[in-house]
C-alpha atoms as a PDB file:
ATOM      1  CA  MET A   1    -104.582   0.029 285.643  1.00  0.00           C
ATOM      2  CA  ARG A   2    -103.654   1.700 282.342  1.00  0.00           C
ATOM      3  CA  PRO A   3    -103.884   5.529 282.165  1.00  0.00           C
ATOM      4  CA  GLY A   4    -106.691   5.387 279.633  1.00  0.00           C
ATOM      5  CA  THR A   5    -108.712   3.083 281.831  1.00  0.00           C
ATOM      6  CA  LEU A   6    -108.214   5.429 284.782  1.00  0.00           C
ATOM      7  CA  VAL A   7    -109.597   8.387 282.844  1.00  0.00           C
ATOM      8  CA  ILE A   8    -112.702   6.391 281.919  1.00  0.00           C
ATOM      9  CA  ALA A   9    -113.186   5.362 285.554  1.00  0.00           C
ATOM     10  CA  ILE A  10    -112.862   8.921 286.811  1.00  0.00           C
ATOM     11  CA  ALA A  11    -115.287  10.226 284.206  1.00  0.00           C
ATOM     12  CA  ALA A  12    -117.759   7.621 285.381  1.00  0.00           C
ATOM     13  CA  VAL A  13    -117.391   8.814 288.975  1.00  0.00           C
ATOM     14  CA  ALA A  14    -118.083  12.382 287.872  1.00  0.00           C
ATOM     15  CA  ALA A  15    -121.198  11.337 285.989  1.00  0.00           C
ATOM     16  CA  VAL A  16    -122.562   9.555 289.029  1.00  0.00           C
ATOM     17  CA  CYS A  17    -121.811  12.492 291.349  1.00  0.00           C
ATOM     18  CA  SER A  18    -123.596  14.999 289.105  1.00  0.00           C
ATOM     19  CA  ALA A  19    -126.654  12.835 288.517  1.00  0.00           C
ATOM     20  CA  SER A  20    -130.020  13.930 289.898  1.00  0.00           C
ATOM     21  CA  ALA A  21    -130.749  13.008 293.503  1.00  0.00           C
ATOM     22  CA  SER A  22    -134.037  11.531 292.282  1.00  0.00           C
ATOM     23  CA  MET A  23    -132.246   8.702 290.465  1.00  0.00           C
ATOM     24  CA  GLN A  24    -133.095   5.397 292.139  1.00  0.00           C
ATOM     25  CA  PRO A  25    -130.709   2.419 292.471  1.00  0.00           C
ATOM     26  CA  PRO A  26    -131.451  -0.842 290.661  1.00  0.00           C
ATOM     27  CA  PRO A  27    -133.994  -3.056 292.425  1.00  0.00           C
ATOM     28  CA  ALA A  28    -132.665  -5.370 295.110  1.00  0.00           C
ATOM     29  CA  GLY A  29    -132.630  -9.095 294.561  1.00  0.00           C
ATOM     30  CA  GLY A  30    -129.676  -9.550 292.257  1.00  0.00           C
ATOM     31  CA  GLY A  31    -131.604 -10.709 289.186  1.00  0.00           C
ATOM     32  CA  ALA A  32    -131.162  -9.233 285.718  1.00  0.00           C
ATOM     33  CA  PRO A  33    -134.060  -7.018 284.580  1.00  0.00           C
ATOM     34  CA  ALA A  34    -136.479  -8.341 282.014  1.00  0.00           C
ATOM     35  CA  GLY A  35    -134.952  -8.165 278.576  1.00  0.00           C
ATOM     36  CA  GLY A  36    -131.605  -7.415 280.191  1.00  0.00           C
ATOM     37  CA  ARG A  37    -128.186  -8.893 279.596  1.00  0.00           C
ATOM     38  CA  GLN A  38    -127.931 -12.656 280.045  1.00  0.00           C
ATOM     39  CA  GLY A  39    -125.011 -15.020 280.306  1.00  0.00           C
ATOM     40  CA  GLY A  40    -123.970 -15.266 283.954  1.00  0.00           C
ATOM     41  CA  PHE A  41    -123.538 -11.625 284.925  1.00  0.00           C
ATOM     42  CA  GLY A  42    -125.737 -12.174 287.968  1.00  0.00           C
ATOM     43  CA  GLY A  43    -127.274  -8.701 287.989  1.00  0.00           C
ATOM     44  CA  PHE A  44    -126.335  -5.733 290.155  1.00  0.00           C
ATOM     45  CA  LYS A  45    -125.380  -6.168 293.802  1.00  0.00           C
ATOM     46  CA  GLN A  46    -126.027  -2.998 295.776  1.00  0.00           C
ATOM     47  CA  PRO A  47    -122.967  -1.913 297.810  1.00  0.00           C
ATOM     48  CA  ASP A  48    -123.257  -1.398 301.529  1.00  0.00           C
ATOM     49  CA  PRO A  49    -124.362   2.154 302.386  1.00  0.00           C
ATOM     50  CA  ILE A  50    -121.915   4.924 303.289  1.00  0.00           C
ATOM     51  CA  ASP A  51    -120.846   4.589 306.926  1.00  0.00           C
ATOM     52  CA  PHE A  52    -118.594   7.443 308.020  1.00  0.00           C
ATOM     53  CA  ASN A  53    -118.417   5.889 311.507  1.00  0.00           C
ATOM     54  CA  GLU A  54    -116.969   2.589 310.275  1.00  0.00           C
ATOM     55  CA  HIS A  55    -113.619   2.176 312.052  1.00  0.00           C
ATOM     56  CA  ASP A  56    -112.642  -1.464 311.506  1.00  0.00           C
ATOM     57  CA  GLY A  57    -109.003  -1.410 310.404  1.00  0.00           C
ATOM     58  CA  TRP A  58    -108.664   2.307 311.191  1.00  0.00           C
ATOM     59  CA  THR A  59    -106.451   3.989 313.800  1.00  0.00           C
ATOM     60  CA  SER A  60    -107.722   6.880 315.930  1.00  0.00           C
ATOM     61  CA  LEU A  61    -105.359   9.877 315.822  1.00  0.00           C
ATOM     62  CA  PHE A  62    -107.175  11.899 318.500  1.00  0.00           C
ATOM     63  CA  ASP A  63    -108.315  10.667 321.916  1.00  0.00           C
ATOM     64  CA  GLY A  64    -110.892  13.442 322.338  1.00  0.00           C
ATOM     65  CA  ARG A  65    -109.291  14.714 325.546  1.00  0.00           C
ATOM     66  CA  THR A  66    -105.654  15.682 324.946  1.00  0.00           C
ATOM     67  CA  LEU A  67    -103.215  16.588 322.160  1.00  0.00           C
ATOM     68  CA  SER A  68    -101.240  13.405 322.806  1.00  0.00           C
ATOM     69  CA  GLY A  69     -99.591  12.341 319.553  1.00  0.00           C
ATOM     70  CA  TRP A  70     -99.676  15.857 318.107  1.00  0.00           C
ATOM     71  CA  SER A  71     -97.211  18.755 318.123  1.00  0.00           C
ATOM     72  CA  GLY A  72     -97.939  22.459 317.750  1.00  0.00           C
ATOM     73  CA  ASP A  73     -97.795  25.782 319.544  1.00  0.00           C
ATOM     74  CA  SER A  74     -99.946  26.861 322.502  1.00  0.00           C
ATOM     75  CA  ASN A  75    -102.767  28.147 320.262  1.00  0.00           C
ATOM     76  CA  TRP A  76    -103.969  24.564 319.765  1.00  0.00           C
ATOM     77  CA  LYS A  77    -106.268  23.298 322.526  1.00  0.00           C
ATOM     78  CA  VAL A  78    -108.881  20.629 323.260  1.00  0.00           C
ATOM     79  CA  GLU A  79    -112.406  21.734 324.156  1.00  0.00           C
ATOM     80  CA  ASP A  80    -115.525  19.561 324.445  1.00  0.00           C
ATOM     81  CA  GLY A  81    -114.013  16.639 322.559  1.00  0.00           C
ATOM     82  CA  ALA A  82    -112.571  18.672 319.692  1.00  0.00           C
ATOM     83  CA  ILE A  83    -109.199  20.137 318.742  1.00  0.00           C
ATOM     84  CA  THR A  84    -109.717  23.894 318.593  1.00  0.00           C
ATOM     85  CA  VAL A  85    -107.719  26.901 317.495  1.00  0.00           C
ATOM     86  CA  GLU A  86    -108.972  30.476 317.587  1.00  0.00           C
ATOM     87  CA  ALA A  87    -107.579  33.590 315.931  1.00  0.00           C
ATOM     88  CA  THR A  88    -108.760  37.121 316.654  1.00  0.00           C
ATOM     89  CA  CYS A  89    -107.650  40.609 315.703  1.00  0.00           C
ATOM     90  CA  GLU A  90    -106.273  41.061 319.200  1.00  0.00           C
ATOM     91  CA  LYS A  91    -104.563  37.650 319.179  1.00  0.00           C
ATOM     92  CA  PRO A  92    -103.885  36.516 315.591  1.00  0.00           C
ATOM     93  CA  THR A  93    -102.298  33.161 314.905  1.00  0.00           C
ATOM     94  CA  GLY A  94    -100.946  33.788 311.421  1.00  0.00           C
ATOM     95  CA  THR A  95    -100.600  30.541 309.470  1.00  0.00           C
ATOM     96  CA  ILE A  96     -99.836  27.755 311.940  1.00  0.00           C
ATOM     97  CA  TYR A  97     -99.892  23.961 312.000  1.00  0.00           C
ATOM     98  CA  LEU A  98    -100.574  21.064 314.330  1.00  0.00           C
ATOM     99  CA  VAL A  99     -98.516  18.059 313.195  1.00  0.00           C
ATOM    100  CA  TRP A 100     -99.331  14.420 313.883  1.00  0.00           C
ATOM    101  CA  LYS A 101     -96.246  12.741 315.375  1.00  0.00           C
ATOM    102  CA  GLY A 102     -97.079   9.228 314.177  1.00  0.00           C
ATOM    103  CA  GLY A 103     -94.775   9.379 311.139  1.00  0.00           C
ATOM    104  CA  GLU A 104     -95.452   9.454 307.429  1.00  0.00           C
ATOM    105  CA  ALA A 105     -98.378   7.990 305.510  1.00  0.00           C
ATOM    106  CA  ALA A 106     -98.172   6.934 301.846  1.00  0.00           C
ATOM    107  CA  ASP A 107    -101.376   5.369 300.483  1.00  0.00           C
ATOM    108  CA  PHE A 108    -104.169   5.857 303.008  1.00  0.00           C
ATOM    109  CA  GLU A 109    -107.659   7.011 303.863  1.00  0.00           C
ATOM    110  CA  LEU A 110    -108.150   9.791 306.420  1.00  0.00           C
ATOM    111  CA  LYS A 111    -111.479  10.821 307.957  1.00  0.00           C
ATOM    112  CA  MET A 112    -112.419  13.579 310.378  1.00  0.00           C
ATOM    113  CA  GLU A 113    -115.096  16.132 311.184  1.00  0.00           C
ATOM    114  CA  MET A 114    -114.577  19.908 310.989  1.00  0.00           C
ATOM    115  CA  LYS A 115    -116.556  23.088 311.504  1.00  0.00           C
ATOM    116  CA  GLY A 116    -115.588  26.735 311.633  1.00  0.00           C
ATOM    117  CA  THR A 117    -116.766  30.177 312.658  1.00  0.00           C
ATOM    118  CA  GLY A 118    -116.102  33.696 311.418  1.00  0.00           C
ATOM    119  CA  SER A 119    -113.786  33.906 308.422  1.00  0.00           C
ATOM    120  CA  ILE A 120    -111.533  31.073 309.606  1.00  0.00           C
ATOM    121  CA  ASN A 121    -109.633  29.237 306.886  1.00  0.00           C
ATOM    122  CA  GLY A 122    -107.763  26.023 307.471  1.00  0.00           C
ATOM    123  CA  GLY A 123    -107.454  22.518 306.249  1.00  0.00           C
ATOM    124  CA  VAL A 124    -105.821  19.113 306.436  1.00  0.00           C
ATOM    125  CA  GLN A 125    -102.204  18.720 305.347  1.00  0.00           C
ATOM    126  CA  TYR A 126    -101.158  15.311 304.032  1.00  0.00           C
ATOM    127  CA  ARG A 127     -98.109  13.790 302.353  1.00  0.00           C
ATOM    128  CA  GLY A 128     -96.471  16.947 303.692  1.00  0.00           C
ATOM    129  CA  TRP A 129     -93.044  17.916 304.976  1.00  0.00           C
ATOM    130  CA  ILE A 130     -91.498  20.459 307.340  1.00  0.00           C
ATOM    131  CA  ALA A 131     -89.544  23.365 305.827  1.00  0.00           C
ATOM    132  CA  PRO A 132     -89.146  27.124 306.324  1.00  0.00           C
ATOM    133  CA  LYS A 133     -91.699  29.375 304.683  1.00  0.00           C
ATOM    134  CA  PRO A 134     -90.764  30.277 301.097  1.00  0.00           C
ATOM    135  CA  PRO A 135     -89.062  33.645 300.562  1.00  0.00           C
ATOM    136  CA  ARG A 136     -91.394  36.613 300.247  1.00  0.00           C
ATOM    137  CA  PRO A 137     -91.753  38.081 296.755  1.00  0.00           C
ATOM    138  CA  ALA A 138     -89.366  40.878 295.845  1.00  0.00           C
ATOM    139  CA  GLY A 139     -90.677  44.227 297.037  1.00  0.00           C
ATOM    140  CA  ALA A 140     -92.883  42.695 299.741  1.00  0.00           C
ATOM    141  CA  GLY A 141     -90.634  44.068 302.471  1.00  0.00           C
ATOM    142  CA  ALA A 142     -89.696  42.511 305.756  1.00  0.00           C
ATOM    143  CA  GLY A 143     -93.029  43.133 307.516  1.00  0.00           C
ATOM    144  CA  ARG A 144     -95.683  40.466 308.035  1.00  0.00           C
ATOM    145  CA  GLY A 145     -98.333  42.460 306.158  1.00  0.00           C
ATOM    146  CA  GLY A 146    -102.050  42.579 306.899  1.00  0.00           C
ATOM    147  CA  PRO A 147    -104.317  45.396 308.068  1.00  0.00           C
ATOM    148  CA  ALA A 148    -102.949  48.231 310.157  1.00  0.00           C
ATOM    149  CA  GLY A 149    -104.438  50.292 312.961  1.00  0.00           C
ATOM    150  CA  PRO A 150    -106.517  49.223 315.952  1.00  0.00           C
ATOM    151  CA  CYS A 151    -108.972  46.323 315.993  1.00  0.00           C
ATOM    152  CA  PRO A 152    -112.710  46.958 315.551  1.00  0.00           C
ATOM    153  CA  SER A 153    -112.998  46.605 319.334  1.00  0.00           C
ATOM    154  CA  GLY A 154    -110.640  49.547 319.741  1.00  0.00           C
ATOM    155  CA  ALA A 155    -107.921  47.352 321.224  1.00  0.00           C
ATOM    156  CA  ALA A 156    -104.439  47.260 319.753  1.00  0.00           C
ATOM    157  CA  ARG A 157    -103.948  44.881 316.856  1.00  0.00           C
ATOM    158  CA  GLY A 158    -101.992  41.823 317.943  1.00  0.00           C
ATOM    159  CA  THR A 159     -98.871  40.332 316.384  1.00  0.00           C
ATOM    160  CA  PRO A 160     -98.893  36.714 315.176  1.00  0.00           C
ATOM    161  CA  PRO A 161     -96.145  34.271 316.167  1.00  0.00           C
ATOM    162  CA  SER A 162     -92.862  34.777 314.350  1.00  0.00           C
ATOM    163  CA  ASP A 163     -91.809  32.507 311.507  1.00  0.00           C
ATOM    164  CA  ASP A 164     -88.799  31.370 313.549  1.00  0.00           C
ATOM    165  CA  SER A 165     -90.963  30.315 316.490  1.00  0.00           C
ATOM    166  CA  GLU A 166     -93.163  28.226 314.162  1.00  0.00           C
ATOM    167  CA  LEU A 167     -90.373  26.702 312.094  1.00  0.00           C
ATOM    168  CA  GLN A 168     -90.504  23.241 313.690  1.00  0.00           C
ATOM    169  CA  TRP A 169     -94.128  22.841 312.551  1.00  0.00           C
ATOM    170  CA  ASN A 170     -94.238  24.761 309.256  1.00  0.00           C
ATOM    171  CA  MET A 171     -95.665  22.399 306.652  1.00  0.00           C
ATOM    172  CA  TRP A 172     -95.519  22.255 302.877  1.00  0.00           C
ATOM    173  CA  GLY A 173     -97.533  20.058 300.548  1.00  0.00           C
ATOM    174  CA  ALA A 174    -101.017  18.802 299.759  1.00  0.00           C
ATOM    175  CA  GLN A 175    -104.016  20.241 301.570  1.00  0.00           C
ATOM    176  CA  TYR A 176    -107.713  19.467 301.769  1.00  0.00           C
ATOM    177  CA  ASP A 177    -108.887  23.065 302.099  1.00  0.00           C
ATOM    178  CA  PHE A 178    -111.609  24.044 304.563  1.00  0.00           C
ATOM    179  CA  ASP A 179    -113.128  27.418 305.410  1.00  0.00           C
ATOM    180  CA  ALA A 180    -116.179  28.592 307.327  1.00  0.00           C
ATOM    181  CA  ALA A 181    -117.399  30.763 304.444  1.00  0.00           C
ATOM    182  CA  ASN A 182    -117.278  27.767 302.032  1.00  0.00           C
ATOM    183  CA  ARG A 183    -115.277  29.544 299.352  1.00  0.00           C
ATOM    184  CA  TYR A 184    -112.651  26.787 299.176  1.00  0.00           C
ATOM    185  CA  THR A 185    -113.888  23.793 301.162  1.00  0.00           C
ATOM    186  CA  GLY A 186    -112.931  20.518 299.504  1.00  0.00           C
ATOM    187  CA  GLN A 187    -110.532  21.849 296.904  1.00  0.00           C
ATOM    188  CA  PHE A 188    -106.992  20.505 296.439  1.00  0.00           C
ATOM    189  CA  TYR A 189    -104.553  23.206 297.480  1.00  0.00           C
ATOM    190  CA  GLU A 190    -100.797  22.935 297.738  1.00  0.00           C
ATOM    191  CA  GLN A 191     -99.172  24.886 300.539  1.00  0.00           C
ATOM    192  CA  SER A 192     -95.960  26.861 299.835  1.00  0.00           C
ATOM    193  CA  THR A 193     -94.924  24.953 296.685  1.00  0.00           C
ATOM    194  CA  GLY A 194     -96.110  27.619 294.245  1.00  0.00           C
ATOM    195  CA  ARG A 195     -98.836  25.489 292.659  1.00  0.00           C
ATOM    196  CA  GLY A 196    -101.584  26.873 294.904  1.00  0.00           C
ATOM    197  CA  ILE A 197    -105.092  25.743 293.925  1.00  0.00           C
ATOM    198  CA  VAL A 198    -104.746  22.755 291.599  1.00  0.00           C
ATOM    199  CA  ALA A 199    -108.256  21.249 291.651  1.00  0.00           C
ATOM    200  CA  TRP A 200    -111.036  23.693 292.573  1.00  0.00           C
ATOM    201  CA  LYS A 201    -114.002  22.236 294.452  1.00  0.00           C
ATOM    202  CA  GLY A 202    -116.226  20.459 291.962  1.00  0.00           C
ATOM    203  CA  GLN A 203    -113.364  19.653 289.579  1.00  0.00           C
ATOM    204  CA  ILE A 204    -111.542  16.528 288.436  1.00  0.00           C
ATOM    205  CA  VAL A 205    -108.119  17.635 287.221  1.00  0.00           C
ATOM    206  CA  ARG A 206    -105.108  15.907 285.680  1.00  0.00           C
ATOM    207  CA  THR A 207    -101.681  17.509 285.861  1.00  0.00           C
ATOM    208  CA  GLY A 208     -98.640  16.800 283.711  1.00  0.00           C
ATOM    209  CA  PRO A 209     -94.943  17.672 283.596  1.00  0.00           C
ATOM    210  CA  GLY A 210     -94.153  21.357 283.826  1.00  0.00           C
ATOM    211  CA  ASP A 211     -97.322  22.108 285.840  1.00  0.00           C
ATOM    212  CA  THR A 212     -99.690  21.570 282.909  1.00  0.00           C
ATOM    213  CA  ARG A 213    -103.304  21.125 284.000  1.00  0.00           C
ATOM    214  CA  ARG A 214    -106.360  19.653 282.287  1.00  0.00           C
ATOM    215  CA  LEU A 215    -109.933  19.698 283.537  1.00  0.00           C
ATOM    216  CA  LEU A 216    -111.298  16.200 282.896  1.00  0.00           C
ATOM    217  CA  ALA A 217    -114.808  16.606 284.300  1.00  0.00           C
ATOM    218  CA  THR A 218    -116.899  18.318 286.946  1.00  0.00           C
ATOM    219  CA  VAL A 219    -118.980  16.744 289.694  1.00  0.00           C
ATOM    220  CA  GLY A 220    -121.918  19.133 289.335  1.00  0.00           C
ATOM    221  CA  ASP A 221    -122.803  22.778 288.843  1.00  0.00           C
ATOM    222  CA  SER A 222    -121.512  25.309 291.360  1.00  0.00           C
ATOM    223  CA  ALA A 223    -124.792  25.552 293.284  1.00  0.00           C
ATOM    224  CA  ALA A 224    -124.963  21.774 293.755  1.00  0.00           C
ATOM    225  CA  VAL A 225    -121.330  21.617 294.855  1.00  0.00           C
ATOM    226  CA  ASP A 226    -121.769  24.505 297.307  1.00  0.00           C
ATOM    227  CA  ALA A 227    -124.807  22.772 298.815  1.00  0.00           C
ATOM    228  CA  ILE A 228    -122.689  19.812 299.981  1.00  0.00           C
ATOM    229  CA  TYR A 229    -121.170  21.959 302.741  1.00  0.00           C
ATOM    230  CA  LYS A 230    -123.043  22.350 306.046  1.00  0.00           C
ATOM    231  CA  PRO A 231    -122.625  25.905 307.416  1.00  0.00           C
ATOM    232  CA  ASN A 232    -122.372  26.270 311.204  1.00  0.00           C
ATOM    233  CA  ASP A 233    -122.346  22.503 311.576  1.00  0.00           C
ATOM    234  CA  TRP A 234    -119.980  19.548 311.586  1.00  0.00           C
ATOM    235  CA  ASN A 235    -118.783  18.454 308.139  1.00  0.00           C
ATOM    236  CA  GLN A 236    -117.392  15.018 307.358  1.00  0.00           C
ATOM    237  CA  LEU A 237    -114.061  15.143 305.485  1.00  0.00           C
ATOM    238  CA  HIS A 238    -112.645  12.032 303.802  1.00  0.00           C
ATOM    239  CA  ILE A 239    -109.340  11.882 301.923  1.00  0.00           C
ATOM    240  CA  ILE A 240    -108.400   8.874 299.767  1.00  0.00           C
ATOM    241  CA  ALA A 241    -104.767   9.000 298.614  1.00  0.00           C
ATOM    242  CA  ILE A 242    -103.722   6.093 296.395  1.00  0.00           C
ATOM    243  CA  GLY A 243    -100.653   6.533 294.225  1.00  0.00           C
ATOM    244  CA  ASN A 244    -101.032   9.739 292.250  1.00  0.00           C
ATOM    245  CA  GLN A 245    -104.825   9.886 292.579  1.00  0.00           C
ATOM    246  CA  LEU A 246    -106.061  12.085 295.416  1.00  0.00           C
ATOM    247  CA  THR A 247    -109.794  12.120 296.132  1.00  0.00           C
ATOM    248  CA  HIS A 248    -111.535  14.579 298.450  1.00  0.00           C
ATOM    249  CA  VAL A 249    -114.975  13.636 299.784  1.00  0.00           C
ATOM    250  CA  LEU A 250    -117.248  15.979 301.760  1.00  0.00           C
ATOM    251  CA  ASN A 251    -120.333  14.705 303.594  1.00  0.00           C
ATOM    252  CA  GLY A 252    -120.413  11.552 301.496  1.00  0.00           C
ATOM    253  CA  ARG A 253    -120.041  13.328 298.146  1.00  0.00           C
ATOM    254  CA  VAL A 254    -116.963  13.517 295.930  1.00  0.00           C
ATOM    255  CA  ILE A 255    -115.991  17.186 295.830  1.00  0.00           C
ATOM    256  CA  SER A 256    -112.639  17.129 293.985  1.00  0.00           C
ATOM    257  CA  ILE A 257    -110.160  14.690 292.472  1.00  0.00           C
ATOM    258  CA  LEU A 258    -106.579  15.264 291.387  1.00  0.00           C
ATOM    259  CA  ILE A 259    -104.727  12.835 289.126  1.00  0.00           C
ATOM    260  CA  ASP A 260    -101.218  14.161 289.607  1.00  0.00           C
ATOM    261  CA  GLU A 261     -98.845  13.175 286.809  1.00  0.00           C
ATOM    262  CA  ASP A 262     -96.400  16.017 287.356  1.00  0.00           C
ATOM    263  CA  THR A 263     -93.986  13.364 288.606  1.00  0.00           C
ATOM    264  CA  LYS A 264     -91.262  15.725 289.819  1.00  0.00           C
ATOM    265  CA  ARG A 265     -93.750  17.251 292.254  1.00  0.00           C
ATOM    266  CA  VAL A 266     -95.611  14.205 293.589  1.00  0.00           C
ATOM    267  CA  PRO A 267     -94.427  12.982 297.013  1.00  0.00           C
ATOM    268  CA  LYS A 268     -95.272   9.337 297.594  1.00  0.00           C
ATOM    269  CA  SER A 269     -95.429   9.743 301.360  1.00  0.00           C
ATOM    270  CA  GLY A 270     -95.454  12.455 304.004  1.00  0.00           C
ATOM    271  CA  LEU A 271     -96.753  13.942 307.223  1.00  0.00           C
ATOM    272  CA  ILE A 272    -100.331  14.647 308.324  1.00  0.00           C
ATOM    273  CA  GLY A 273    -101.311  17.885 310.023  1.00  0.00           C
ATOM    274  CA  LEU A 274    -103.939  20.558 310.555  1.00  0.00           C
ATOM    275  CA  GLU A 275    -103.540  24.149 309.317  1.00  0.00           C
ATOM    276  CA  VAL A 276    -105.284  27.393 310.213  1.00  0.00           C
ATOM    277  CA  GLU A 277    -105.170  31.067 309.226  1.00  0.00           C
ATOM    278  CA  ALA A 278    -107.451  34.162 309.105  1.00  0.00           C
ATOM    279  CA  THR A 279    -109.775  34.919 312.049  1.00  0.00           C
ATOM    280  CA  GLY A 280    -112.450  32.828 313.708  1.00  0.00           C
ATOM    281  CA  LYS A 281    -112.385  29.407 315.287  1.00  0.00           C
ATOM    282  CA  LEU A 282    -111.690  25.973 313.797  1.00  0.00           C
ATOM    283  CA  TYR A 283    -112.921  22.740 315.394  1.00  0.00           C
ATOM    284  CA  THR A 284    -111.721  19.222 314.489  1.00  0.00           C
ATOM    285  CA  ARG A 285    -112.764  15.879 315.960  1.00  0.00           C
ATOM    286  CA  ASN A 286    -113.067  12.127 315.224  1.00  0.00           C
ATOM    287  CA  ILE A 287    -109.779  11.809 313.306  1.00  0.00           C
ATOM    288  CA  TRP A 288    -109.207   8.316 311.885  1.00  0.00           C
ATOM    289  CA  LEU A 289    -106.451   6.965 309.631  1.00  0.00           C
ATOM    290  CA  LYS A 290    -106.377   3.756 307.590  1.00  0.00           C
ATOM    291  CA  LYS A 291    -103.029   3.002 305.973  1.00  0.00           C
ATOM    292  CA  LEU A 292    -103.323   1.055 302.719  1.00  0.00           C
ATOM    293  CA  GLN A 293     -99.633   0.170 302.457  1.00  0.00           C
END
């Protein structure tokens, strides 16, 4: 598909996503409406409805009972059919990762369910790679930062795992962001590379060489985008990564798209993992992968 055609297609997606919920689909039956276009078009054929639980051709990455196939530190556990990780003031995790050991994925779809409590912030890493954390900015000092003094409970403030102990799992790269407070859920974030937030939730963004960025469209006003998230409940995350187009879907709605043409930065393949930071608890279940090449 030519670049110009792609832009038109993406703009069309945005228009559909921001349309009123009261808009009705064309009538069933396949015939052209009266006075409509003739000449063999055959009318509109309604697509099958969204089915998040469709798994034909997909591979399960989580058996619901163990962390078989995954690698991470002892903070990651399985409880009641979900992968869980909990961080508290007394026992902070810092920024840690659980890495799928099944190898790299290039073009793919990835689905899972997530929910969180407290101020937990996490996400799904994809097309990622393992590398040490980037150097701290000059003047930041050697400490790990964060609040000082005792915890609100009165107990001593805990120390998160050291960078060296987490090195084998430390991931860089693309992230579908997720947080319990819904400040960032669904945005395209890039971990450790310096680009940070590239496509905010609700945005369709194109990048170019030299980290240039252009907002192409939005998928709705901020209130409508925020309403897609389900607080204190399971949320359905869906990532579609095809070439340099990365689409994030939340609960059946497009929530951000990145068309990444900053070619020196775009990895064509990489690892899949889960990430967590801040305090609270993150739950993940029903993880399914469909490789497209």
